[in-house]
Protein backbone atom coordinates (compact mmCIF):
# COMPACT_ATOMS: atom_id res chain seq x y z
CA UNK A 1 -11.67 9.79 -11.85
CA UNK A 2 -15.00 8.66 -13.18
CA UNK A 3 -17.22 6.86 -10.57
CA UNK A 4 -19.77 4.60 -12.15
CA UNK A 5 -22.86 2.92 -10.80
CA UNK A 6 -23.21 -0.24 -12.94
CA UNK A 7 -25.51 -2.04 -10.38
CA UNK A 8 -27.83 0.91 -9.92
CA UNK A 9 -27.14 1.12 -6.26
CA UNK A 10 -29.07 3.71 -4.14
CA UNK A 11 -28.35 7.27 -5.05
CA UNK A 12 -27.36 8.39 -1.55
CA UNK A 13 -24.68 5.63 -1.45
CA UNK A 14 -23.46 6.59 -4.91
CA UNK A 15 -23.26 10.24 -3.91
CA UNK A 16 -21.16 9.25 -0.85
CA UNK A 17 -18.69 7.60 -3.25
CA UNK A 18 -18.36 10.81 -5.23
CA UNK A 19 -16.91 12.66 -2.24
CA UNK A 20 -13.16 12.58 -2.60
CA UNK A 21 -11.14 14.68 -0.18
CA UNK A 22 -7.84 13.22 -1.22
CA UNK A 23 -5.71 16.09 -2.50
CA UNK A 24 -4.56 16.10 -6.09
CA UNK A 25 -1.15 17.69 -6.62
CA UNK A 26 0.86 19.01 -9.56
CA UNK A 27 4.33 17.59 -10.31
CA UNK A 28 5.88 19.81 -7.72
CA UNK A 29 4.27 18.06 -4.68
CA UNK A 30 4.03 14.38 -3.73
CA UNK A 31 2.27 12.88 -0.70
CA UNK A 32 3.66 10.43 1.82
CA UNK A 33 0.90 7.94 0.92
CA UNK A 34 1.55 8.33 -2.77
CA UNK A 35 5.32 7.71 -2.50
CA UNK A 36 4.63 4.35 -0.81
CA UNK A 37 3.36 3.22 -4.25
CA UNK A 38 5.36 2.08 -7.29
CA UNK A 39 6.68 4.63 -9.73
CA UNK A 40 4.56 3.21 -12.54
CA UNK A 41 1.39 3.31 -10.48
CA UNK A 42 2.04 6.91 -9.53
CA UNK A 43 2.72 8.08 -13.04
CA UNK A 44 -0.18 6.21 -14.65
CA UNK A 45 -2.63 7.29 -11.99
CA UNK A 46 -1.69 10.94 -12.42
CA UNK A 47 -1.49 10.68 -16.22
CA UNK A 48 -4.90 9.04 -16.69
CA UNK A 49 -6.74 10.36 -13.63
CA UNK A 50 -9.55 12.04 -15.63
CA UNK A 51 -10.39 8.92 -17.60
CA UNK A 52 -9.81 6.08 -15.06
CA UNK A 53 -12.98 4.42 -13.85
CA UNK A 54 -14.04 2.77 -10.63
CA UNK A 55 -17.48 1.40 -9.82
CA UNK A 56 -19.07 2.45 -6.56
CA UNK A 57 -19.75 -1.21 -5.82
CA UNK A 58 -15.98 -1.59 -5.31
CA UNK A 59 -15.80 1.41 -2.92
CA UNK A 60 -17.62 0.13 0.16
CA UNK A 61 -14.50 -0.16 2.28
CA UNK A 62 -13.31 3.23 1.08
CA UNK A 63 -16.55 4.72 2.32
CA UNK A 64 -16.16 2.94 5.65
CA UNK A 65 -12.54 4.09 5.91
CA UNK A 66 -13.53 7.71 5.28
CA UNK A 67 -16.34 7.48 7.92
CA UNK A 68 -13.87 6.02 10.50
CA UNK A 69 -11.46 8.93 9.90
CA UNK A 70 -14.31 11.43 10.17
CA UNK A 71 -15.49 10.03 13.47
CA UNK A 72 -12.07 9.50 15.08
CA UNK A 73 -10.70 12.78 13.81
CA UNK A 74 -13.17 14.79 15.80
CA UNK A 75 -12.02 13.55 19.23
CA UNK A 76 -8.50 14.97 19.72
CA UNK A 77 -7.96 16.05 23.33
CA UNK A 78 -5.75 18.54 25.14
CA UNK A 79 -2.19 18.81 23.82
CA UNK A 80 -3.10 16.85 20.69
CA UNK A 81 -3.18 17.61 17.02
CA UNK A 82 -5.30 15.68 14.54
CA UNK A 83 -5.64 15.66 10.68
CA UNK A 84 -2.88 18.24 10.22
CA UNK A 85 -1.28 18.58 6.81
CA UNK A 86 2.49 19.24 6.70
CA UNK A 87 4.96 20.05 3.96
CA UNK A 88 8.66 19.45 3.73
CA UNK A 89 10.90 20.89 0.93
CA UNK A 90 13.03 18.20 -0.78
CA UNK A 91 16.03 19.07 -2.99
CA UNK A 92 15.69 17.02 -6.15
CA UNK A 93 18.86 17.71 -8.15
CA UNK A 94 18.25 18.95 -11.66
CA UNK A 95 14.48 19.14 -10.96
CA UNK A 96 14.89 21.76 -8.26
CA UNK A 97 13.03 21.74 -4.87
CA UNK A 98 9.85 19.70 -4.60
CA UNK A 99 7.53 19.28 -1.68
CA UNK A 100 6.58 16.27 0.38
CA UNK A 101 3.09 16.46 1.80
CA UNK A 102 1.71 14.38 4.66
CA UNK A 103 -1.30 14.40 6.92
CA UNK A 104 -1.15 12.33 10.13
CA UNK A 105 -4.29 11.31 12.03
CA UNK A 106 -3.14 12.13 15.60
CA UNK A 107 -0.12 13.52 17.45
CA UNK A 108 -0.07 13.53 21.21
CA UNK A 109 2.27 16.16 22.58
CA UNK A 110 2.35 14.56 26.04
CA UNK A 111 3.29 11.05 24.99
CA UNK A 112 5.03 12.06 21.74
CA UNK A 113 3.18 9.37 19.80
CA UNK A 114 2.02 9.61 16.24
CA UNK A 115 -1.05 7.48 15.61
CA UNK A 116 -2.38 6.62 12.17
CA UNK A 117 -5.83 4.99 11.98
CA UNK A 118 -6.47 2.11 9.62
CA UNK A 119 -9.60 0.09 8.81
CA UNK A 120 -8.77 -3.25 7.16
CA UNK A 121 -9.45 -6.96 7.20
CA UNK A 122 -7.99 -9.47 9.65
CA UNK A 123 -5.78 -11.11 6.99
CA UNK A 124 -4.27 -7.75 5.93
CA UNK A 125 -3.63 -6.92 9.59
CA UNK A 126 -1.91 -10.26 10.19
CA UNK A 127 0.28 -9.67 7.07
CA UNK A 128 1.35 -6.27 8.50
CA UNK A 129 2.35 -7.94 11.76
CA UNK A 130 4.33 -10.49 9.76
CA UNK A 131 6.13 -7.81 7.74
CA UNK A 132 6.23 -5.45 10.80
CA UNK A 133 8.99 -2.89 10.33
CA UNK A 134 9.08 -3.36 6.51
CA UNK A 135 5.39 -2.71 5.92
CA UNK A 136 4.07 0.42 4.20
CA UNK A 137 2.14 1.53 7.27
CA UNK A 138 5.33 1.71 9.31
CA UNK A 139 7.24 3.48 6.54
CA UNK A 140 4.40 6.05 6.36
CA UNK A 141 4.70 6.75 10.10
CA UNK A 142 8.45 7.27 9.91
CA UNK A 143 7.99 9.91 7.28
CA UNK A 144 5.45 11.68 9.49
CA UNK A 145 8.01 11.53 12.25
CA UNK A 146 10.64 13.08 10.02
CA UNK A 147 8.30 15.88 9.01
CA UNK A 148 7.08 16.59 12.55
CA UNK A 149 10.68 16.59 13.79
CA UNK A 150 11.61 19.17 11.17
CA UNK A 151 8.78 21.33 12.46
CA UNK A 152 10.13 21.15 16.00
CA UNK A 153 7.84 18.51 17.51
CA UNK A 154 9.32 15.75 19.65
CA UNK A 155 8.34 12.28 18.53
CA UNK A 156 8.62 9.30 20.91
CA UNK A 157 6.55 6.57 19.35
CA UNK A 158 4.72 5.33 16.23
CA UNK A 159 1.61 3.21 16.17
CA UNK A 160 -1.42 2.27 14.11
CA UNK A 161 -4.92 2.00 15.54
CA UNK A 162 -6.47 -0.76 13.43
CA UNK A 163 -10.18 -1.43 13.08
CA UNK A 164 -10.83 -4.91 11.83
CA UNK A 165 -13.84 -4.62 9.55
CA UNK A 166 -14.36 -8.40 9.04
CA UNK A 167 -13.53 -9.51 12.63
CA UNK A 168 -15.49 -12.53 13.76
CA UNK A 169 -16.21 -13.58 17.33
CA UNK A 170 -16.67 -17.19 16.09
CA UNK A 171 -13.25 -17.26 14.51
CA UNK A 172 -11.76 -15.61 17.57
CA UNK A 173 -12.90 -18.62 19.65
CA UNK A 174 -11.82 -21.25 17.16
CA UNK A 175 -8.61 -20.02 15.50
CA UNK A 176 -5.28 -19.80 17.25
CA UNK A 177 -3.59 -16.45 16.83
CA UNK A 178 -6.80 -14.73 15.77
CA UNK A 179 -7.16 -11.18 17.16
CA UNK A 180 -9.03 -11.18 20.52
CA UNK A 181 -10.87 -7.88 19.78
CA UNK A 182 -11.86 -5.99 16.62
CA UNK A 183 -9.87 -2.89 17.61
CA UNK A 184 -6.09 -3.41 18.00
CA UNK A 185 -2.90 -1.38 17.99
CA UNK A 186 0.45 -1.94 16.34
CA UNK A 187 3.24 -0.26 18.30
CA UNK A 188 6.48 0.03 16.19
CA UNK A 189 8.59 1.55 18.88
CA UNK A 190 10.87 4.48 18.08
CA UNK A 191 14.37 5.75 18.36
CA UNK A 192 15.09 9.44 17.75
CA UNK A 193 15.98 10.19 14.13
CA UNK A 194 19.70 11.16 14.03
CA UNK A 195 20.72 13.88 11.59
CA UNK A 196 22.47 11.39 9.35
CA UNK A 197 19.40 9.08 9.28
CA UNK A 198 17.20 12.10 8.45
CA UNK A 199 19.50 13.05 5.63
CA UNK A 200 19.41 9.54 4.23
CA UNK A 201 15.57 9.50 4.44
CA UNK A 202 15.40 12.79 2.55
CA UNK A 203 17.88 11.46 0.00
CA UNK A 204 15.68 8.37 -0.57
CA UNK A 205 12.63 10.59 -1.06
CA UNK A 206 14.51 12.77 -3.42
CA UNK A 207 15.69 9.78 -5.47
CA UNK A 208 12.15 8.45 -5.79
CA UNK A 209 10.75 11.83 -6.80
CA UNK A 210 13.46 12.28 -9.39
CA UNK A 211 12.70 8.81 -10.81
CA UNK A 212 9.01 9.79 -11.16
CA UNK A 213 9.92 13.02 -12.88
CA UNK A 214 12.36 11.28 -15.15
CA UNK A 215 9.65 8.90 -16.51
CA UNK A 216 6.54 11.01 -16.12
CA UNK A 217 6.33 11.76 -19.91
CA UNK A 218 7.83 8.41 -21.06
CA UNK A 219 5.80 5.76 -22.94
CA UNK A 220 4.19 3.27 -20.53
CA UNK A 221 6.44 0.44 -21.69
CA UNK A 222 9.56 2.37 -20.64
CA UNK A 223 8.42 3.11 -17.09
CA UNK A 224 9.92 0.63 -14.55
CA UNK A 225 7.40 -1.96 -13.35
CA UNK A 226 6.37 -1.88 -9.65
CA UNK A 227 8.45 -4.15 -7.41
CA UNK A 228 7.18 -7.34 -5.82
CA UNK A 229 6.55 -5.54 -2.51
CA UNK A 230 4.80 -2.63 -4.33
CA UNK A 231 2.57 -5.18 -6.08
CA UNK A 232 1.87 -6.89 -2.75
CA UNK A 233 2.97 -10.17 -4.24
CA UNK A 234 1.91 -13.13 -2.07
CA UNK A 235 2.60 -16.78 -2.26
CA UNK A 236 5.49 -17.07 -4.69
CA UNK A 237 7.00 -20.59 -4.27
CA UNK A 238 9.63 -22.85 -5.80
CA UNK A 239 8.36 -26.48 -5.83
CA UNK A 240 10.66 -29.48 -5.77
CA UNK A 241 9.00 -31.94 -8.13
CA UNK A 242 9.67 -35.52 -9.07
CA UNK A 243 8.95 -36.76 -12.58
CA UNK A 244 5.60 -38.56 -12.77
CA UNK A 245 4.21 -36.94 -9.62
CA UNK A 246 1.61 -34.21 -9.70
CA UNK A 247 2.23 -32.99 -6.18
CA UNK A 248 5.30 -31.20 -4.94
CA UNK A 249 7.82 -33.07 -2.83
CA UNK A 250 8.45 -29.81 -0.92
CA UNK A 251 7.75 -26.14 -1.40
CA UNK A 252 10.39 -23.41 -0.84
CA UNK A 253 10.27 -19.67 -0.39
CA UNK A 254 13.44 -18.99 -2.42
CA UNK A 255 15.11 -20.23 -5.59
CA UNK A 256 18.34 -20.80 -3.60
CA UNK A 257 16.66 -23.15 -1.09
CA UNK A 258 14.89 -25.05 -3.91
CA UNK A 259 18.12 -25.53 -5.97
CA UNK A 260 20.00 -26.62 -2.92
CA UNK A 261 17.41 -29.32 -2.34
CA UNK A 262 17.47 -30.21 -6.05
CA UNK A 263 21.21 -30.79 -6.02
CA UNK A 264 20.74 -33.24 -3.10
CA UNK A 265 18.27 -35.39 -5.10
CA UNK A 266 18.59 -37.47 -8.26
CA UNK A 267 18.22 -36.58 -11.90
CA UNK A 268 14.45 -37.25 -11.92
CA UNK A 269 13.74 -34.13 -9.89
CA UNK A 270 13.18 -30.61 -11.16
CA UNK A 271 12.06 -27.20 -9.91
CA UNK A 272 8.68 -25.67 -10.76
CA UNK A 273 8.54 -21.91 -10.11
CA UNK A 274 5.03 -20.98 -9.01
CA UNK A 275 4.36 -17.28 -9.32
CA UNK A 276 2.67 -15.46 -6.56
CA UNK A 277 -0.56 -13.47 -6.60
CA UNK A 278 -0.15 -9.73 -7.25
CA UNK A 279 -2.83 -8.54 -4.78
CA UNK A 280 -2.33 -4.80 -5.46
CA UNK A 281 -2.55 -5.24 -9.20
CA UNK A 282 -5.59 -7.49 -9.08
CA UNK A 283 -7.72 -5.64 -6.51
CA UNK A 284 -6.37 -2.30 -5.47
CA UNK A 285 -4.65 -0.48 -8.29
CA UNK A 286 -7.08 1.79 -10.22
CA UNK A 287 -4.46 2.44 -12.91
CA UNK A 288 -4.00 -1.24 -13.73
CA UNK A 289 -5.97 -0.91 -16.97
CA UNK A 290 -3.18 1.24 -18.39
CA UNK A 291 -0.38 -1.09 -17.25
CA UNK A 292 1.30 -3.65 -19.54
CA UNK A 293 2.50 -5.70 -16.52
CA UNK A 294 -1.07 -6.13 -15.38
CA UNK A 295 -2.29 -7.03 -18.82
CA UNK A 296 0.56 -9.51 -19.57
CA UNK A 297 1.31 -11.08 -16.16
CA UNK A 298 -1.94 -10.81 -14.17
CA UNK A 299 -4.77 -10.97 -16.73
CA UNK A 300 -3.03 -13.16 -19.34
CA UNK A 301 -5.79 -14.05 -21.69
CA UNK A 302 -8.49 -12.46 -19.51
CA UNK A 303 -10.17 -9.29 -20.89
CA UNK A 304 -8.84 -5.99 -19.69
CA UNK A 305 -11.10 -3.93 -17.39
CA UNK A 306 -13.47 -1.93 -19.52
CA UNK A 307 -13.43 -4.46 -22.38
CA UNK A 308 -15.92 -6.94 -20.93
CA UNK A 309 -19.72 -6.86 -20.47
CA UNK A 310 -19.19 -7.92 -16.85
CA UNK A 311 -19.21 -5.13 -14.28
CA UNK A 312 -15.81 -4.57 -12.79
CA UNK A 313 -13.90 -6.05 -15.71
């Protein structure tokens, strides 16, 4: 990936952004983190890695996150393992055996807990709490549990240690439900992975890897778009509207609820489908410039990144 410095930021900061310890794999190995992404994002990122661009001005939180992992990773105690990379062979049908790669932040042999460190904003943390056992952080931990279990380690719990980079003491005092401290934990709980559950988890991994390999050389237009959850779509609503009114009578989270309400009202009412914001596409997918969904549904008439004089576009 090409790292640019369009704002001529200090050289030592720019050099810090050039340090990328994230492993790059051939098509025989896929990481736990990578498989949490959409098939199209994975393929386009791998396919265009050498030509994709990111400006160092957009990498501040990545630098912070790397620093956090460096500091916390150096303090594992007795009967603990930190920053260990694991591999698990996955049978992938006609494509043969591929490898799943994962690196957990901390495993405590006494408590049996796997801990993964995250640095993020308060809003993202609150969204993870809302999604809880369906969020990508939790899915990542379960895969680490599967891999550690295969290696003979007993797992008893899963949790994230979350550092809230934009935490505010003022907001903590004024806003109900705001985190009381800037360092928090999410404990997901854990039940031992039965053999049939482990087999299903491996089958799901195998299916995704096979889908990636199936489309890895296909034209971009033929690769399945990322799902709503993979795009981190937020705020999709169905509005019950009345003719002549600019404001919605009521907003609904599903088309079914909205149409049920519509049927209970008169002929002068209609439904306005308001698309959500694709947060991943807009702010966190480096391969978006190669993606037709991003160009057609997110940008619309906006210029594609790299085609504007403005930095970052």
